[in-house]
């Protein structure tokens, strides 16, 4: 990636200045390169000069100038120009020769373009949705579900070995509540047609038994089919009951007792989680002798690490924010690095139609089911809209925009770019696999819109890398929109077919590469790439 090459150039320059005694010896901080927001500021920029002011003891502008004085731009094949601007930023302008060469590489790599090896096949467990088997999936479940699935796709693309997991809470209070609801007694909690249907089929009056039977039916007939409808395939469906059956809950309690990390108070058994920077200690076993959900969570965490996962990712709903510190405390108590436990909290989703918040479900009346939403707007739109905002932001889902069949709809806009390329290729009776590209032809790509499109294409591996490091999956829909917009601009400015056969060939190569990168991006998001619209 170009970012690595520029970062290496900067690092070598600083080391050379240190060797000459111009800079004092110091540990060089991470050199970050950001994409420039304006063309006049180049393609990439770094603030490294501002970061080392204390160590170098010079003005940042002077530091930046000293750094670039060591660059040998005339010998570089990937930079046209480097400049320093106030208060000490260094701007880099990529050469057209580099862009032309990278285009050729994209065509060679095809669907493998963007694949990285930074994961080094490290095993990662991504657990998401994990809704209690007590009813249909809601919009909140959908948001976490699509986020988890796409994050897993990105991590795989980055070279990690990923396992998608659904944790089935089939023990405890929620199962009893489900039992009461199906029986229909005074302690009933859950409502809806699905409860009425379960009531018809389950005749027992044993609350615990009814709850367990109902949970199995919901899992088989509601949750698993819905997950399939979402386009998600899990590697593991892990039942909480297994932790009790295999005595793993008992084992983790014994471990904490031996480590003297528990104590008794008011008839309950408490975990000393404040010792690991939690805000308060947590109950493991209640007065009545029943273990808490947290106890199962601790045993489950240990189970995952025992299965060989180097890193755990949990995707939880907004109501689980208070669980983050206690789970990290448990990880540390068990001897694991809490940094290996990553928890993503998904904020709430609200639906809007005609500018007003609405409820879609006529059957349940109290919540909106994901099934209804997908039926109304389609899977592609549902996936894209849920991915558009970062997990930490509330999401307002605009139903009118989601159903819009025009360029106003971001999904339609991106898919139309792909379909437009396919249409051009059909007209030219050209197929990707038969097209040969030469660097001589690619050198004809000099128009600003051509070069701008290549610059967007080469961003794709950077999007993969950044997302694999910080889990911000909203980059993908944002990038897909930027790429589609840049392609449409190229299409307006440059005719693919011209009297110059070599130029036609070069532009054909460019749209073939664009087609491939759009497809790669949509594949990661689990969104279709229609050839006709």
Protein backbone atom coordinates (compact mmCIF):
# COMPACT_ATOMS: atom_id res chain seq x y z
CA UNK A 1 0.00 0.00 0.00
CA UNK A 2 1.10 3.53 -0.78
CA UNK A 3 0.70 4.52 2.89
CA UNK A 4 3.42 2.06 3.91
CA UNK A 5 5.79 3.35 1.26
CA UNK A 6 5.32 6.96 2.36
CA UNK A 7 5.62 6.04 6.05
CA UNK A 8 8.89 4.20 5.33
CA UNK A 9 10.17 7.24 3.47
CA UNK A 10 9.44 9.45 6.50
CA UNK A 11 10.96 6.99 8.98
CA UNK A 12 14.17 6.71 6.95
CA UNK A 13 14.42 10.51 6.76
CA UNK A 14 14.05 10.90 10.54
CA UNK A 15 16.63 8.20 11.22
CA UNK A 16 19.04 9.86 8.83
CA UNK A 17 18.57 13.20 10.60
CA UNK A 18 19.16 11.48 13.95
CA UNK A 19 22.31 9.84 12.62
CA UNK A 20 23.60 13.23 11.44
CA UNK A 21 22.87 14.77 14.85
CA UNK A 22 20.27 17.19 13.46
CA UNK A 23 17.61 15.42 15.55
CA UNK A 24 18.23 13.92 19.00
CA UNK A 25 17.71 10.20 19.43
CA UNK A 26 14.10 9.35 20.28
CA UNK A 27 11.61 6.60 19.58
CA UNK A 28 9.78 7.47 16.39
CA UNK A 29 6.00 7.47 17.03
CA UNK A 30 3.54 5.73 14.71
CA UNK A 31 3.52 7.59 11.41
CA UNK A 32 -0.10 8.12 10.41
CA UNK A 33 -1.11 9.18 6.94
CA UNK A 34 -4.55 10.57 6.32
CA UNK A 35 -6.25 11.13 3.01
CA UNK A 36 -6.31 14.83 2.19
CA UNK A 37 -9.73 16.42 2.01
CA UNK A 38 -8.88 18.84 -0.80
CA UNK A 39 -6.97 18.27 -4.05
CA UNK A 40 -4.69 21.23 -3.41
CA UNK A 41 -3.44 19.47 -0.27
CA UNK A 42 -2.34 16.41 -2.20
CA UNK A 43 -3.46 12.82 -1.75
CA UNK A 44 -2.07 12.03 1.72
CA UNK A 45 -0.90 14.15 4.63
CA UNK A 46 0.91 13.52 7.91
CA UNK A 47 1.27 15.49 11.14
CA UNK A 48 4.45 13.69 12.23
CA UNK A 49 6.35 16.97 12.55
CA UNK A 50 3.85 18.20 15.15
CA UNK A 51 4.13 14.95 17.09
CA UNK A 52 7.89 15.14 17.64
CA UNK A 53 8.22 18.82 18.58
CA UNK A 54 9.15 18.06 22.22
CA UNK A 55 11.80 15.54 21.21
CA UNK A 56 13.34 17.59 18.39
CA UNK A 57 12.95 20.97 20.12
CA UNK A 58 12.37 22.86 16.89
CA UNK A 59 9.46 24.60 15.21
CA UNK A 60 7.15 22.01 13.55
CA UNK A 61 7.38 23.81 10.21
CA UNK A 62 11.17 23.61 10.36
CA UNK A 63 10.99 19.95 11.39
CA UNK A 64 8.77 19.14 8.43
CA UNK A 65 11.13 20.92 6.02
CA UNK A 66 14.12 19.04 7.43
CA UNK A 67 12.30 15.73 7.01
CA UNK A 68 11.39 16.30 3.35
CA UNK A 69 14.92 17.57 2.64
CA UNK A 70 15.99 13.93 2.94
CA UNK A 71 13.43 12.70 0.42
CA UNK A 72 14.83 11.84 -2.99
CA UNK A 73 11.66 12.58 -4.94
CA UNK A 74 13.47 12.60 -8.26
CA UNK A 75 14.27 8.91 -7.71
CA UNK A 76 10.79 8.04 -6.50
CA UNK A 77 8.39 6.36 -8.86
CA UNK A 78 5.36 6.85 -6.67
CA UNK A 79 5.43 10.56 -5.75
CA UNK A 80 5.12 13.62 -7.96
CA UNK A 81 5.53 16.24 -5.29
CA UNK A 82 5.87 16.75 -1.53
CA UNK A 83 5.16 20.04 0.18
CA UNK A 84 5.09 21.51 3.69
CA UNK A 85 2.23 23.71 4.87
CA UNK A 86 1.41 25.50 8.10
CA UNK A 87 1.62 24.61 10.92
CA UNK A 88 3.86 21.69 9.89
CA UNK A 89 1.85 19.24 7.83
CA UNK A 90 3.54 17.34 5.02
CA UNK A 91 1.42 16.77 1.91
CA UNK A 92 2.12 14.04 -0.63
CA UNK A 93 1.03 13.95 -4.27
CA UNK A 94 0.94 10.49 -5.90
CA UNK A 95 2.43 10.11 -9.38
CA UNK A 96 0.26 9.08 -12.30
CA UNK A 97 2.83 6.38 -13.15
CA UNK A 98 2.22 4.73 -9.79
CA UNK A 99 -1.55 4.92 -10.25
CA UNK A 100 -1.36 3.41 -13.72
CA UNK A 101 0.78 0.54 -12.45
CA UNK A 102 -1.58 -0.12 -9.52
CA UNK A 103 -4.52 -0.33 -11.91
CA UNK A 104 -2.77 -3.18 -13.68
CA UNK A 105 -2.29 -4.96 -10.35
CA UNK A 106 -5.99 -4.64 -9.50
CA UNK A 107 -6.90 -6.31 -12.77
CA UNK A 108 -4.46 -9.14 -12.11
CA UNK A 109 -5.68 -9.74 -8.54
CA UNK A 110 -9.38 -9.58 -9.37
CA UNK A 111 -11.58 -10.76 -6.49
CA UNK A 112 -8.44 -11.20 -4.36
CA UNK A 113 -7.74 -7.47 -4.50
CA UNK A 114 -7.87 -6.05 -0.98
CA UNK A 115 -6.93 -9.35 0.68
CA UNK A 116 -4.30 -8.76 3.38
CA UNK A 117 -2.12 -10.88 5.62
CA UNK A 118 -2.13 -8.65 8.71
CA UNK A 119 -4.28 -11.19 10.57
CA UNK A 120 -1.61 -13.90 10.26
CA UNK A 121 -4.44 -16.47 10.54
CA UNK A 122 -5.02 -15.49 14.17
CA UNK A 123 -8.25 -17.04 15.49
CA UNK A 124 -10.99 -14.54 16.33
CA UNK A 125 -14.43 -15.28 17.74
CA UNK A 126 -17.17 -12.83 16.74
CA UNK A 127 -20.35 -13.31 18.75
CA UNK A 128 -23.36 -11.31 17.63
CA UNK A 129 -27.15 -11.12 17.83
CA UNK A 130 -27.39 -13.77 20.61
CA UNK A 131 -30.98 -12.68 21.29
CA UNK A 132 -32.76 -14.73 23.94
CA UNK A 133 -34.86 -17.49 22.30
CA UNK A 134 -38.03 -15.85 23.57
CA UNK A 135 -39.36 -14.14 20.44
CA UNK A 136 -38.71 -12.67 16.98
CA UNK A 137 -35.65 -10.56 16.21
CA UNK A 138 -36.04 -6.80 16.53
CA UNK A 139 -34.37 -3.96 14.62
CA UNK A 140 -31.72 -3.72 17.32
CA UNK A 141 -30.87 -7.38 16.77
CA UNK A 142 -30.69 -6.70 13.05
CA UNK A 143 -28.27 -3.85 13.43
CA UNK A 144 -25.91 -5.92 15.54
CA UNK A 145 -26.38 -8.90 13.26
CA UNK A 146 -25.39 -7.13 10.06
CA UNK A 147 -22.53 -5.33 11.79
CA UNK A 148 -21.14 -8.60 13.17
CA UNK A 149 -21.48 -10.46 9.89
CA UNK A 150 -19.75 -7.72 7.87
CA UNK A 151 -17.01 -7.27 10.47
CA UNK A 152 -16.34 -11.02 10.25
CA UNK A 153 -16.11 -10.70 6.45
CA UNK A 154 -13.60 -7.86 6.74
CA UNK A 155 -11.48 -9.70 9.30
CA UNK A 156 -11.35 -12.74 7.01
CA UNK A 157 -10.31 -10.49 4.12
CA UNK A 158 -7.55 -9.11 6.35
CA UNK A 159 -6.14 -12.58 6.99
CA UNK A 160 -7.76 -13.58 10.30
CA UNK A 161 -9.37 -16.95 10.94
CA UNK A 162 -12.87 -15.98 12.04
CA UNK A 163 -15.63 -17.95 13.76
CA UNK A 164 -19.15 -16.50 13.83
CA UNK A 165 -21.01 -17.51 16.97
CA UNK A 166 -24.54 -17.22 18.37
CA UNK A 167 -24.91 -17.67 22.14
CA UNK A 168 -28.24 -19.21 23.09
CA UNK A 169 -29.40 -18.14 26.57
CA UNK A 170 -31.55 -21.20 27.32
CA UNK A 171 -31.13 -21.26 31.11
CA UNK A 172 -32.62 -19.20 33.89
CA UNK A 173 -35.16 -16.46 34.43
CA UNK A 174 -35.95 -15.59 30.80
CA UNK A 175 -36.86 -19.23 30.07
CA UNK A 176 -39.21 -19.28 33.05
CA UNK A 177 -40.76 -16.00 31.86
CA UNK A 178 -41.28 -17.58 28.47
CA UNK A 179 -42.91 -20.58 30.14
CA UNK A 180 -45.32 -18.34 32.08
CA UNK A 181 -46.11 -16.44 28.88
CA UNK A 182 -46.93 -19.57 26.90
CA UNK A 183 -49.06 -20.96 29.74
CA UNK A 184 -50.72 -17.54 29.99
CA UNK A 185 -50.75 -17.15 33.78
CA UNK A 186 -50.44 -13.97 35.85
CA UNK A 187 -46.65 -13.90 35.41
CA UNK A 188 -46.80 -13.83 31.59
CA UNK A 189 -44.36 -11.32 30.02
CA UNK A 190 -44.09 -11.98 26.29
CA UNK A 191 -46.95 -11.29 23.88
CA UNK A 192 -47.71 -11.75 20.20
CA UNK A 193 -49.09 -14.23 17.70
CA UNK A 194 -46.08 -16.49 18.16
CA UNK A 195 -46.95 -16.91 21.85
CA UNK A 196 -50.53 -17.83 20.95
CA UNK A 197 -49.27 -20.39 18.44
CA UNK A 198 -46.93 -21.91 21.03
CA UNK A 199 -49.78 -22.07 23.53
CA UNK A 200 -51.81 -24.16 21.07
CA UNK A 201 -49.00 -26.67 20.60
CA UNK A 202 -47.65 -27.04 24.16
CA UNK A 203 -50.09 -28.51 26.65
CA UNK A 204 -47.90 -28.97 29.75
CA UNK A 205 -48.40 -26.77 32.83
CA UNK A 206 -44.82 -27.20 34.08
CA UNK A 207 -43.40 -23.68 33.66
CA UNK A 208 -39.76 -24.78 33.36
CA UNK A 209 -40.59 -27.55 30.89
CA UNK A 210 -42.85 -25.30 28.80
CA UNK A 211 -40.18 -22.61 28.68
CA UNK A 212 -37.52 -25.02 27.46
CA UNK A 213 -39.78 -26.56 24.81
CA UNK A 214 -40.91 -23.12 23.62
CA UNK A 215 -37.31 -21.86 23.44
CA UNK A 216 -36.31 -24.79 21.23
CA UNK A 217 -39.26 -24.15 18.92
CA UNK A 218 -38.52 -20.41 18.70
CA UNK A 219 -34.89 -21.12 17.94
CA UNK A 220 -35.74 -23.64 15.23
CA UNK A 221 -38.79 -21.98 13.66
CA UNK A 222 -38.19 -18.24 14.21
CA UNK A 223 -34.57 -17.36 14.97
CA UNK A 224 -32.61 -19.70 12.69
CA UNK A 225 -34.83 -19.07 9.62
CA UNK A 226 -34.62 -15.32 10.28
CA UNK A 227 -30.84 -15.43 10.51
CA UNK A 228 -30.79 -17.28 7.19
CA UNK A 229 -33.06 -14.62 5.71
CA UNK A 230 -30.54 -12.00 6.90
CA UNK A 231 -27.87 -13.73 4.84
CA UNK A 232 -25.86 -14.82 7.88
CA UNK A 233 -24.22 -18.21 8.35
CA UNK A 234 -22.99 -19.09 11.84
CA UNK A 235 -20.13 -21.45 12.54
CA UNK A 236 -21.36 -22.17 16.08
CA UNK A 237 -24.70 -22.07 17.89
CA UNK A 238 -23.53 -22.35 21.50
CA UNK A 239 -26.08 -23.25 24.19
CA UNK A 240 -25.67 -21.79 27.67
CA UNK A 241 -26.98 -25.06 29.12
CA UNK A 242 -23.80 -26.76 27.86
CA UNK A 243 -21.78 -24.70 30.37
CA UNK A 244 -23.78 -26.26 33.20
CA UNK A 245 -23.87 -29.74 31.70
CA UNK A 246 -20.08 -29.77 31.32
CA UNK A 247 -19.65 -28.23 34.81
CA UNK A 248 -17.81 -25.23 33.38
CA UNK A 249 -19.84 -22.79 35.50
CA UNK A 250 -18.93 -24.80 38.58
CA UNK A 251 -15.30 -24.86 37.44
CA UNK A 252 -15.02 -21.13 37.03
CA UNK A 253 -16.54 -20.56 40.49
CA UNK A 254 -13.99 -22.94 42.01
CA UNK A 255 -11.19 -21.12 40.19
CA UNK A 256 -12.27 -17.72 41.52
CA UNK A 257 -12.62 -19.13 45.05
CA UNK A 258 -9.09 -20.55 44.96
CA UNK A 259 -7.79 -17.18 43.82
CA UNK A 260 -9.68 -15.57 46.73
CA UNK A 261 -11.53 -13.34 44.31
CA UNK A 262 -14.96 -14.00 45.83
CA UNK A 263 -16.64 -13.28 49.17
CA UNK A 264 -20.02 -13.83 50.81
CA UNK A 265 -22.35 -11.00 51.75
CA UNK A 266 -26.09 -10.96 52.51
CA UNK A 267 -26.34 -14.63 51.64
CA UNK A 268 -24.92 -14.15 48.12
CA UNK A 269 -21.53 -14.88 46.59
CA UNK A 270 -19.77 -11.83 45.13
CA UNK A 271 -16.90 -11.41 42.64
CA UNK A 272 -14.26 -8.82 43.58
CA UNK A 273 -14.51 -7.07 40.21
CA UNK A 274 -13.52 -3.69 41.70
CA UNK A 275 -10.04 -5.16 42.09
CA UNK A 276 -9.91 -5.07 38.28
CA UNK A 277 -11.24 -1.50 37.92
CA UNK A 278 -14.94 -2.32 37.66
CA UNK A 279 -17.14 0.28 39.38
CA UNK A 280 -18.63 -2.25 41.83
CA UNK A 281 -18.42 -5.92 42.80
CA UNK A 282 -20.78 -8.35 41.05
CA UNK A 283 -23.02 -11.13 42.32
CA UNK A 284 -22.15 -14.62 41.08
CA UNK A 285 -24.58 -16.71 43.14
CA UNK A 286 -27.84 -15.26 44.49
CA UNK A 287 -29.34 -15.87 47.94
CA UNK A 288 -31.52 -18.66 46.58
CA UNK A 289 -28.44 -20.49 45.28
CA UNK A 290 -29.12 -19.73 41.62
CA UNK A 291 -26.19 -18.44 39.57
CA UNK A 292 -26.50 -15.10 37.76
CA UNK A 293 -26.24 -14.41 34.02
CA UNK A 294 -22.83 -12.93 34.74
CA UNK A 295 -21.54 -16.24 36.10
CA UNK A 296 -22.48 -17.94 32.84
CA UNK A 297 -20.79 -15.11 30.94
CA UNK A 298 -17.55 -15.67 32.84
CA UNK A 299 -17.64 -19.42 32.14
CA UNK A 300 -18.48 -18.73 28.49
CA UNK A 301 -15.56 -16.32 28.16
CA UNK A 302 -13.18 -18.94 29.54
CA UNK A 303 -14.66 -21.54 27.21
CA UNK A 304 -13.89 -19.36 24.19
CA UNK A 305 -10.28 -18.83 25.16
CA UNK A 306 -9.92 -22.58 25.87
CA UNK A 307 -11.07 -23.22 22.30
CA UNK A 308 -7.99 -21.37 21.08
CA UNK A 309 -9.35 -17.96 20.17
CA UNK A 310 -6.72 -15.24 20.49
CA UNK A 311 -9.27 -12.43 20.50
CA UNK A 312 -12.97 -12.22 21.38
CA UNK A 313 -15.41 -9.74 19.88
CA UNK A 314 -18.85 -9.30 21.42
CA UNK A 315 -21.54 -7.21 19.73
CA UNK A 316 -24.20 -6.20 22.24
CA UNK A 317 -27.25 -3.98 22.37
CA UNK A 318 -27.37 -0.53 23.97
CA UNK A 319 -28.86 -1.96 27.19
CA UNK A 320 -25.64 -3.93 27.82
CA UNK A 321 -23.34 -0.95 28.28
CA UNK A 322 -22.97 -1.65 31.99
CA UNK A 323 -21.69 -5.17 31.30
CA UNK A 324 -18.49 -4.09 29.56
CA UNK A 325 -16.26 -3.43 32.57
CA UNK A 326 -17.42 -6.48 34.51
CA UNK A 327 -16.64 -8.85 31.63
CA UNK A 328 -13.20 -7.31 31.10
CA UNK A 329 -12.62 -7.61 34.86
CA UNK A 330 -13.54 -11.30 34.65
CA UNK A 331 -11.11 -11.82 31.79
CA UNK A 332 -8.28 -10.30 33.81
CA UNK A 333 -9.22 -12.35 36.87
CA UNK A 334 -9.03 -15.53 34.79
CA UNK A 335 -5.54 -14.61 33.63
CA UNK A 336 -6.34 -13.25 30.18
CA UNK A 337 -5.44 -9.85 28.76
CA UNK A 338 -8.54 -7.66 28.88
CA UNK A 339 -7.36 -6.00 25.66
CA UNK A 340 -8.14 -9.33 23.96
CA UNK A 341 -11.81 -8.86 24.83
CA UNK A 342 -13.46 -6.31 22.56
CA UNK A 343 -17.06 -5.27 23.08
CA UNK A 344 -19.04 -3.23 20.55
CA UNK A 345 -22.20 -1.60 21.87
CA UNK A 346 -24.84 -0.94 19.21
CA UNK A 347 -26.99 2.12 19.83
CA UNK A 348 -30.73 2.24 19.22
CA UNK A 349 -32.58 2.19 15.90
CA UNK A 350 -35.65 4.29 15.13
CA UNK A 351 -37.86 4.01 12.06
CA UNK A 352 -39.22 7.03 10.23
CA UNK A 353 -41.85 7.38 7.51
CA UNK A 354 -42.91 10.77 6.19
CA UNK A 355 -40.61 12.42 8.70
CA UNK A 356 -42.42 10.82 11.65
CA UNK A 357 -41.36 7.91 13.82
CA UNK A 358 -43.50 4.85 13.15
CA UNK A 359 -44.18 1.33 14.38
CA UNK A 360 -44.42 -1.25 11.64
CA UNK A 361 -45.69 -4.27 13.53
CA UNK A 362 -49.46 -4.66 13.61
CA UNK A 363 -49.25 -8.06 15.28
CA UNK A 364 -46.99 -7.44 18.31
CA UNK A 365 -47.80 -3.77 18.86
CA UNK A 366 -44.84 -3.14 21.13
CA UNK A 367 -41.80 -3.60 18.87
CA UNK A 368 -40.83 -3.76 15.23
CA UNK A 369 -39.67 -7.10 13.90
CA UNK A 370 -36.71 -7.37 11.58
CA UNK A 371 -38.70 -9.75 9.41
CA UNK A 372 -41.25 -7.04 8.61
CA UNK A 373 -38.56 -4.52 7.75
CA UNK A 374 -36.74 -6.83 5.34
CA UNK A 375 -40.04 -7.75 3.69
CA UNK A 376 -40.80 -4.06 3.16
CA UNK A 377 -37.45 -2.69 1.94
CA UNK A 378 -35.47 -5.77 0.86
CA UNK A 379 -32.33 -7.35 2.27
CA UNK A 380 -29.81 -5.24 0.33
CA UNK A 381 -31.31 -1.98 1.55
CA UNK A 382 -31.72 -3.23 5.11
CA UNK A 383 -28.09 -4.31 5.29
CA UNK A 384 -26.75 -1.08 3.79
CA UNK A 385 -28.86 1.27 5.91
CA UNK A 386 -27.98 -0.54 9.13
CA UNK A 387 -24.28 -0.29 8.26
CA UNK A 388 -24.25 3.41 7.37
CA UNK A 389 -23.74 4.75 10.88
CA UNK A 390 -21.10 3.81 13.44
CA UNK A 391 -22.15 1.52 16.29
CA UNK A 392 -21.84 4.35 18.81
CA UNK A 393 -24.36 6.56 16.97
CA UNK A 394 -28.13 6.29 17.06
CA UNK A 395 -29.55 5.21 13.72
CA UNK A 396 -32.63 6.79 12.16
CA UNK A 397 -33.89 4.44 9.44
CA UNK A 398 -35.73 6.45 6.75
CA UNK A 399 -38.26 4.08 5.18
CA UNK A 400 -39.17 6.51 2.40
CA UNK A 401 -35.55 6.82 1.30
CA UNK A 402 -35.01 3.07 1.69
CA UNK A 403 -37.84 2.35 -0.77
CA UNK A 404 -36.77 5.05 -3.23
CA UNK A 405 -35.77 3.61 -6.62
CA UNK A 406 -33.55 6.50 -7.68
CA UNK A 407 -30.10 7.97 -7.17
CA UNK A 408 -31.34 9.48 -3.90
CA UNK A 409 -31.12 5.99 -2.42
CA UNK A 410 -27.43 5.27 -1.71
CA UNK A 411 -27.85 1.52 -2.32
CA UNK A 412 -29.49 2.10 -5.69
CA UNK A 413 -26.80 4.65 -6.58
CA UNK A 414 -23.98 2.18 -5.92
CA UNK A 415 -25.67 -0.78 -7.58
CA UNK A 416 -26.48 1.40 -10.59
CA UNK A 417 -22.78 2.18 -11.02
CA UNK A 418 -22.09 -1.55 -11.19
CA UNK A 419 -25.00 -2.18 -13.56
CA UNK A 420 -23.90 0.70 -15.79
CA UNK A 421 -20.43 -0.85 -16.18
CA UNK A 422 -22.01 -4.20 -17.01
CA UNK A 423 -24.16 -2.47 -19.62
CA UNK A 424 -21.09 -0.89 -21.24
CA UNK A 425 -19.35 -4.26 -21.33
CA UNK A 426 -22.38 -5.92 -22.88
CA UNK A 427 -22.49 -3.29 -25.59
CA UNK A 428 -18.82 -3.82 -26.31
CA UNK A 429 -19.33 -7.60 -26.14
CA UNK A 430 -16.38 -7.77 -23.77
CA UNK A 431 -15.69 -10.16 -20.92
CA UNK A 432 -13.35 -9.46 -18.03
CA UNK A 433 -11.52 -12.78 -18.16
CA UNK A 434 -10.66 -12.35 -21.86
CA UNK A 435 -9.45 -8.76 -21.65
CA UNK A 436 -5.73 -8.20 -21.90
CA UNK A 437 -4.18 -5.08 -20.47
CA UNK A 438 -0.83 -3.52 -21.29
CA UNK A 439 1.00 -0.86 -19.31
CA UNK A 440 1.42 1.06 -22.57
CA UNK A 441 -2.34 1.45 -22.81
CA UNK A 442 -2.69 2.37 -19.14
CA UNK A 443 -0.22 5.21 -19.58
CA UNK A 444 -2.88 6.95 -21.68
CA UNK A 445 -4.99 7.43 -18.55
CA UNK A 446 -4.10 11.01 -17.66
CA UNK A 447 -7.45 12.80 -17.34
CA UNK A 448 -8.13 14.05 -13.77
CA UNK A 449 -11.33 11.96 -13.62
CA UNK A 450 -9.43 8.85 -14.71
CA UNK A 451 -6.70 9.35 -12.15
CA UNK A 452 -9.27 10.29 -9.50
CA UNK A 453 -11.07 6.99 -10.08
CA UNK A 454 -7.84 5.00 -9.75
CA UNK A 455 -7.11 6.82 -6.48
CA UNK A 456 -10.46 5.63 -5.17
CA UNK A 457 -9.78 2.06 -6.27
CA UNK A 458 -6.44 1.83 -4.47
CA UNK A 459 -8.11 2.95 -1.23
CA UNK A 460 -9.88 -0.41 -0.91
CA UNK A 461 -7.05 -2.29 0.89
CA UNK A 462 -6.71 0.68 3.26
CA UNK A 463 -10.42 0.43 4.08
CA UNK A 464 -9.94 -3.26 4.87
CA UNK A 465 -6.90 -2.63 7.05
CA UNK A 466 -8.40 0.26 9.03
CA UNK A 467 -11.67 -1.57 9.64
CA UNK A 468 -9.88 -4.76 10.71
CA UNK A 469 -8.04 -2.69 13.33
CA UNK A 470 -10.84 -0.55 14.78
CA UNK A 471 -14.04 -2.43 13.73
CA UNK A 472 -15.69 0.68 12.24
CA UNK A 473 -17.67 -1.11 9.53
CA UNK A 474 -19.47 2.06 8.43
CA UNK A 475 -16.37 2.75 6.34
CA UNK A 476 -17.56 0.20 3.77
CA UNK A 477 -20.86 1.85 2.77
CA UNK A 478 -19.15 5.25 2.89
CA UNK A 479 -16.37 4.01 0.63
CA UNK A 480 -18.82 2.32 -1.74
CA UNK A 481 -20.68 5.62 -2.07
CA UNK A 482 -17.46 7.55 -2.73
CA UNK A 483 -16.37 5.01 -5.34
CA UNK A 484 -19.73 5.07 -7.13
CA UNK A 485 -19.75 8.86 -7.14
CA UNK A 486 -16.22 9.01 -8.57
CA UNK A 487 -17.14 6.48 -11.26
CA UNK A 488 -20.24 8.43 -12.28
CA UNK A 489 -18.05 11.56 -12.54
CA UNK A 490 -15.58 9.67 -14.76
CA UNK A 491 -18.47 8.45 -16.92
CA UNK A 492 -19.68 12.02 -17.41
CA UNK A 493 -16.20 13.33 -18.25
CA UNK A 494 -14.66 10.53 -20.30
CA UNK A 495 -16.17 8.46 -23.10
CA UNK A 496 -15.15 4.84 -22.82
CA UNK A 497 -15.60 4.30 -26.56
CA UNK A 498 -13.52 6.60 -28.75
CA UNK A 499 -11.80 6.55 -32.12
CA UNK A 500 -8.51 5.96 -30.34
CA UNK A 501 -8.49 2.17 -29.90
CA UNK A 502 -5.66 2.26 -27.38
CA UNK A 503 -7.45 4.85 -25.24
CA UNK A 504 -10.65 2.81 -25.49
CA UNK A 505 -8.70 -0.22 -24.30
CA UNK A 506 -7.23 1.73 -21.38
CA UNK A 507 -10.61 3.08 -20.27
CA UNK A 508 -12.12 -0.35 -20.64
CA UNK A 509 -9.45 -1.66 -18.29
CA UNK A 510 -10.32 1.10 -15.86
CA UNK A 511 -14.03 0.26 -15.77
CA UNK A 512 -13.26 -3.45 -15.46
CA UNK A 513 -11.15 -2.71 -12.38
CA UNK A 514 -13.90 -0.48 -11.02
CA UNK A 515 -16.47 -3.22 -11.58
CA UNK A 516 -14.29 -5.63 -9.63
CA UNK A 517 -13.72 -3.32 -6.66
CA UNK A 518 -17.41 -2.39 -6.43
CA UNK A 519 -18.22 -6.12 -6.45
CA UNK A 520 -15.59 -6.84 -3.79
CA UNK A 521 -17.01 -4.08 -1.59
CA UNK A 522 -20.62 -5.19 -2.01
CA UNK A 523 -19.63 -8.80 -1.31
CA UNK A 524 -18.10 -7.78 2.01
CA UNK A 525 -21.35 -6.05 2.95
CA UNK A 526 -23.41 -9.04 1.85
CA UNK A 527 -25.18 -6.93 -0.78
CA UNK A 528 -25.95 -8.10 -4.30
CA UNK A 529 -24.28 -6.66 -7.42
CA UNK A 530 -27.02 -6.67 -10.11
CA UNK A 531 -25.85 -6.57 -13.72
CA UNK A 532 -29.13 -5.03 -14.87
CA UNK A 533 -31.39 -2.47 -13.18
